[in-house]
């Protein structure tokens, strides 16, 4: 093996080590972020914009709607609708609005409570863009 080959292999090995360290750090950060979101008292969920399936929900969401919701349609679980909501924010946070935020207030028809919803498109770990929503109960204010 030539010295040039050894140098190239060593460089590649170092590059792979750095890449692995970055991935491990990202995984730790992601875990910390999810743990923080889990502890927030407001309802938080992540849904696929194409299938409307819930991908992740925090403990506040599970207290209201139960824990067996992953993979179910957000419009069915949250609004008890068979079809996507007419007020769905997907068109406001995807497409030409990708990266923007959308904030609205609405009354949930299933429980009669008012919410201030903050929606944003984010990149999910598998690479797809998904809808991230935080819904703060503002019923007392209304």
C-alpha atoms as a PDB file:
ATOM      1  CA  UNK A   1       0.000   0.000   0.000  1.00  0.00           C
ATOM      2  CA  UNK A   2       1.399   3.372  -0.959  1.00  0.00           C
ATOM      3  CA  UNK A   3       1.709   6.327   1.395  1.00  0.00           C
ATOM      4  CA  UNK A   4      -0.866   8.218  -0.721  1.00  0.00           C
ATOM      5  CA  UNK A   5      -3.391   5.391  -0.317  1.00  0.00           C
ATOM      6  CA  UNK A   6      -2.770   5.273   3.454  1.00  0.00           C
ATOM      7  CA  UNK A   7      -3.260   9.044   3.690  1.00  0.00           C
ATOM      8  CA  UNK A   8      -6.489   8.859   1.681  1.00  0.00           C
ATOM      9  CA  UNK A   9      -7.805   5.983   3.809  1.00  0.00           C
ATOM     10  CA  UNK A  10      -6.923   7.869   6.978  1.00  0.00           C
ATOM     11  CA  UNK A  11      -8.671  11.014   5.698  1.00  0.00           C
ATOM     12  CA  UNK A  12     -11.766   8.989   4.789  1.00  0.00           C
ATOM     13  CA  UNK A  13     -11.729   7.253   8.178  1.00  0.00           C
ATOM     14  CA  UNK A  14     -11.503  10.634   9.961  1.00  0.00           C
ATOM     15  CA  UNK A  15     -14.322  12.021   7.811  1.00  0.00           C
ATOM     16  CA  UNK A  16     -16.539   9.039   8.677  1.00  0.00           C
ATOM     17  CA  UNK A  17     -15.752   9.454  12.401  1.00  0.00           C
ATOM     18  CA  UNK A  18     -16.706  13.162  12.243  1.00  0.00           C
ATOM     19  CA  UNK A  19     -19.919  12.322  10.380  1.00  0.00           C
ATOM     20  CA  UNK A  20     -20.838   9.688  12.984  1.00  0.00           C
ATOM     21  CA  UNK A  21     -20.158  12.155  15.816  1.00  0.00           C
ATOM     22  CA  UNK A  22     -22.404  14.726  14.126  1.00  0.00           C
ATOM     23  CA  UNK A  23     -25.192  12.167  13.719  1.00  0.00           C
ATOM     24  CA  UNK A  24     -24.898  11.093  17.351  1.00  0.00           C
ATOM     25  CA  UNK A  25     -25.022  14.726  18.504  1.00  0.00           C
ATOM     26  CA  UNK A  26     -28.065  15.386  16.300  1.00  0.00           C
ATOM     27  CA  UNK A  27     -29.778  12.324  17.736  1.00  0.00           C
ATOM     28  CA  UNK A  28     -29.079  13.513  21.302  1.00  0.00           C
ATOM     29  CA  UNK A  29     -30.364  16.996  20.477  1.00  0.00           C
ATOM     30  CA  UNK A  30     -33.474  15.552  18.819  1.00  0.00           C
ATOM     31  CA  UNK A  31     -34.125  13.427  21.886  1.00  0.00           C
ATOM     32  CA  UNK A  32     -33.713  16.452  24.155  1.00  0.00           C
ATOM     33  CA  UNK A  33     -36.044  18.562  22.012  1.00  0.00           C
ATOM     34  CA  UNK A  34     -38.714  15.847  22.007  1.00  0.00           C
ATOM     35  CA  UNK A  35     -38.371  15.493  25.787  1.00  0.00           C
ATOM     36  CA  UNK A  36     -38.872  19.248  26.156  1.00  0.00           C
ATOM     37  CA  UNK A  37     -41.913  19.228  23.858  1.00  0.00           C
ATOM     38  CA  UNK A  38     -43.309  16.286  25.796  1.00  0.00           C
ATOM     39  CA  UNK A  39     -43.337  18.383  28.972  1.00  0.00           C
ATOM     40  CA  UNK A  40     -45.159  21.394  27.509  1.00  0.00           C
ATOM     41  CA  UNK A  41     -48.751  21.788  28.758  1.00  0.00           C
ATOM     42  CA  UNK A  42     -50.086  22.868  25.347  1.00  0.00           C
ATOM     43  CA  UNK A  43     -51.290  20.348  22.762  1.00  0.00           C
ATOM     44  CA  UNK A  44     -48.548  19.614  20.223  1.00  0.00           C
ATOM     45  CA  UNK A  45     -48.686  17.251  17.294  1.00  0.00           C
ATOM     46  CA  UNK A  46     -46.960  16.397  14.022  1.00  0.00           C
ATOM     47  CA  UNK A  47     -48.970  15.216  11.019  1.00  0.00           C
ATOM     48  CA  UNK A  48     -48.151  14.124   7.476  1.00  0.00           C
ATOM     49  CA  UNK A  49     -49.625  16.754   5.120  1.00  0.00           C
ATOM     50  CA  UNK A  50     -50.440  14.224   2.393  1.00  0.00           C
ATOM     51  CA  UNK A  51     -52.004  11.401   4.413  1.00  0.00           C
ATOM     52  CA  UNK A  52     -53.095  13.524   7.422  1.00  0.00           C
ATOM     53  CA  UNK A  53     -51.753  10.775   9.690  1.00  0.00           C
ATOM     54  CA  UNK A  54     -50.527  11.728  13.147  1.00  0.00           C
ATOM     55  CA  UNK A  55     -46.811  10.987  13.450  1.00  0.00           C
ATOM     56  CA  UNK A  56     -46.147  12.238  16.979  1.00  0.00           C
ATOM     57  CA  UNK A  57     -48.167  13.792  19.823  1.00  0.00           C
ATOM     58  CA  UNK A  58     -47.108  15.110  23.216  1.00  0.00           C
ATOM     59  CA  UNK A  59     -48.487  14.160  26.622  1.00  0.00           C
ATOM     60  CA  UNK A  60     -50.965  17.091  26.692  1.00  0.00           C
ATOM     61  CA  UNK A  61     -52.478  15.767  23.448  1.00  0.00           C
ATOM     62  CA  UNK A  62     -52.645  12.212  24.827  1.00  0.00           C
ATOM     63  CA  UNK A  63     -54.435  13.445  27.985  1.00  0.00           C
ATOM     64  CA  UNK A  64     -57.226  14.864  25.823  1.00  0.00           C
ATOM     65  CA  UNK A  65     -57.451  12.344  22.964  1.00  0.00           C
ATOM     66  CA  UNK A  66     -55.826   9.176  24.286  1.00  0.00           C
ATOM     67  CA  UNK A  67     -52.562   7.460  23.510  1.00  0.00           C
ATOM     68  CA  UNK A  68     -53.628   5.228  20.618  1.00  0.00           C
ATOM     69  CA  UNK A  69     -53.609   7.967  17.963  1.00  0.00           C
ATOM     70  CA  UNK A  70     -50.351   7.551  16.025  1.00  0.00           C
ATOM     71  CA  UNK A  71     -51.137   6.639  12.416  1.00  0.00           C
ATOM     72  CA  UNK A  72     -54.724   7.868  12.678  1.00  0.00           C
ATOM     73  CA  UNK A  73     -56.037  10.841  10.680  1.00  0.00           C
ATOM     74  CA  UNK A  74     -55.673  14.178  12.487  1.00  0.00           C
ATOM     75  CA  UNK A  75     -59.086  15.387  11.290  1.00  0.00           C
ATOM     76  CA  UNK A  76     -60.714  12.252  12.691  1.00  0.00           C
ATOM     77  CA  UNK A  77     -58.928  12.302  16.065  1.00  0.00           C
ATOM     78  CA  UNK A  78     -59.040  16.062  16.701  1.00  0.00           C
ATOM     79  CA  UNK A  79     -62.269  17.146  14.998  1.00  0.00           C
ATOM     80  CA  UNK A  80     -64.090  13.805  14.654  1.00  0.00           C
ATOM     81  CA  UNK A  81     -64.433  14.388  10.902  1.00  0.00           C
ATOM     82  CA  UNK A  82     -64.232  11.740   8.226  1.00  0.00           C
ATOM     83  CA  UNK A  83     -62.617  14.115   5.712  1.00  0.00           C
ATOM     84  CA  UNK A  84     -59.819  16.698   6.057  1.00  0.00           C
ATOM     85  CA  UNK A  85     -60.890  19.958   7.696  1.00  0.00           C
ATOM     86  CA  UNK A  86     -61.870  22.824   5.411  1.00  0.00           C
ATOM     87  CA  UNK A  87     -59.684  25.075   7.587  1.00  0.00           C
ATOM     88  CA  UNK A  88     -56.602  22.819   7.400  1.00  0.00           C
ATOM     89  CA  UNK A  89     -53.428  24.921   7.361  1.00  0.00           C
ATOM     90  CA  UNK A  90     -51.521  22.764   4.855  1.00  0.00           C
ATOM     91  CA  UNK A  91     -51.983  25.304   2.034  1.00  0.00           C
ATOM     92  CA  UNK A  92     -50.678  28.038   4.330  1.00  0.00           C
ATOM     93  CA  UNK A  93     -47.424  26.331   5.380  1.00  0.00           C
ATOM     94  CA  UNK A  94     -46.464  24.260   2.317  1.00  0.00           C
ATOM     95  CA  UNK A  95     -45.984  24.970  -1.379  1.00  0.00           C
ATOM     96  CA  UNK A  96     -45.106  28.598  -2.006  1.00  0.00           C
ATOM     97  CA  UNK A  97     -45.480  29.283   1.741  1.00  0.00           C
ATOM     98  CA  UNK A  98     -42.962  26.609   2.772  1.00  0.00           C
ATOM     99  CA  UNK A  99     -41.000  27.759   5.794  1.00  0.00           C
ATOM    100  CA  UNK A 100     -43.607  30.271   6.883  1.00  0.00           C
ATOM    101  CA  UNK A 101     -45.737  30.082  10.001  1.00  0.00           C
ATOM    102  CA  UNK A 102     -49.496  30.291  10.227  1.00  0.00           C
ATOM    103  CA  UNK A 103     -51.354  31.368  13.364  1.00  0.00           C
ATOM    104  CA  UNK A 104     -55.123  31.268  13.831  1.00  0.00           C
ATOM    105  CA  UNK A 105     -57.770  31.062  16.518  1.00  0.00           C
ATOM    106  CA  UNK A 106     -60.659  28.660  16.248  1.00  0.00           C
ATOM    107  CA  UNK A 107     -63.307  26.881  18.278  1.00  0.00           C
ATOM    108  CA  UNK A 108     -63.041  23.110  18.324  1.00  0.00           C
ATOM    109  CA  UNK A 109     -66.521  21.776  17.549  1.00  0.00           C
ATOM    110  CA  UNK A 110     -65.991  18.506  19.435  1.00  0.00           C
ATOM    111  CA  UNK A 111     -65.142  19.989  22.827  1.00  0.00           C
ATOM    112  CA  UNK A 112     -66.349  23.595  22.478  1.00  0.00           C
ATOM    113  CA  UNK A 113     -62.991  25.050  23.518  1.00  0.00           C
ATOM    114  CA  UNK A 114     -61.103  27.879  21.788  1.00  0.00           C
ATOM    115  CA  UNK A 115     -57.506  27.406  20.628  1.00  0.00           C
ATOM    116  CA  UNK A 116     -54.743  29.583  19.277  1.00  0.00           C
ATOM    117  CA  UNK A 117     -52.920  27.352  16.800  1.00  0.00           C
ATOM    118  CA  UNK A 118     -49.392  27.973  15.551  1.00  0.00           C
ATOM    119  CA  UNK A 119     -48.497  25.808  12.557  1.00  0.00           C
ATOM    120  CA  UNK A 120     -45.228  25.424  10.686  1.00  0.00           C
ATOM    121  CA  UNK A 121     -43.737  22.999   8.203  1.00  0.00           C
ATOM    122  CA  UNK A 122     -40.692  21.170   9.536  1.00  0.00           C
ATOM    123  CA  UNK A 123     -38.423  18.434   8.212  1.00  0.00           C
ATOM    124  CA  UNK A 124     -39.107  15.072   9.847  1.00  0.00           C
ATOM    125  CA  UNK A 125     -36.176  12.714  10.558  1.00  0.00           C
ATOM    126  CA  UNK A 126     -37.062  10.607   7.491  1.00  0.00           C
ATOM    127  CA  UNK A 127     -36.593  13.695   5.293  1.00  0.00           C
ATOM    128  CA  UNK A 128     -40.201  14.553   4.478  1.00  0.00           C
ATOM    129  CA  UNK A 129     -41.803  17.879   5.312  1.00  0.00           C
ATOM    130  CA  UNK A 130     -44.576  17.617   7.921  1.00  0.00           C
ATOM    131  CA  UNK A 131     -47.016  19.901   9.757  1.00  0.00           C
ATOM    132  CA  UNK A 132     -46.020  20.831  13.322  1.00  0.00           C
ATOM    133  CA  UNK A 133     -48.767  22.408  15.419  1.00  0.00           C
ATOM    134  CA  UNK A 134     -48.975  23.880  18.896  1.00  0.00           C
ATOM    135  CA  UNK A 135     -52.531  24.505  20.079  1.00  0.00           C
ATOM    136  CA  UNK A 136     -52.897  26.719  23.156  1.00  0.00           C
ATOM    137  CA  UNK A 137     -56.261  26.622  24.923  1.00  0.00           C
ATOM    138  CA  UNK A 138     -57.522  30.240  25.073  1.00  0.00           C
ATOM    139  CA  UNK A 139     -61.093  29.478  26.163  1.00  0.00           C
ATOM    140  CA  UNK A 140     -60.856  31.573  29.343  1.00  0.00           C
ATOM    141  CA  UNK A 141     -59.612  34.571  27.348  1.00  0.00           C
ATOM    142  CA  UNK A 142     -62.475  34.262  24.876  1.00  0.00           C
END
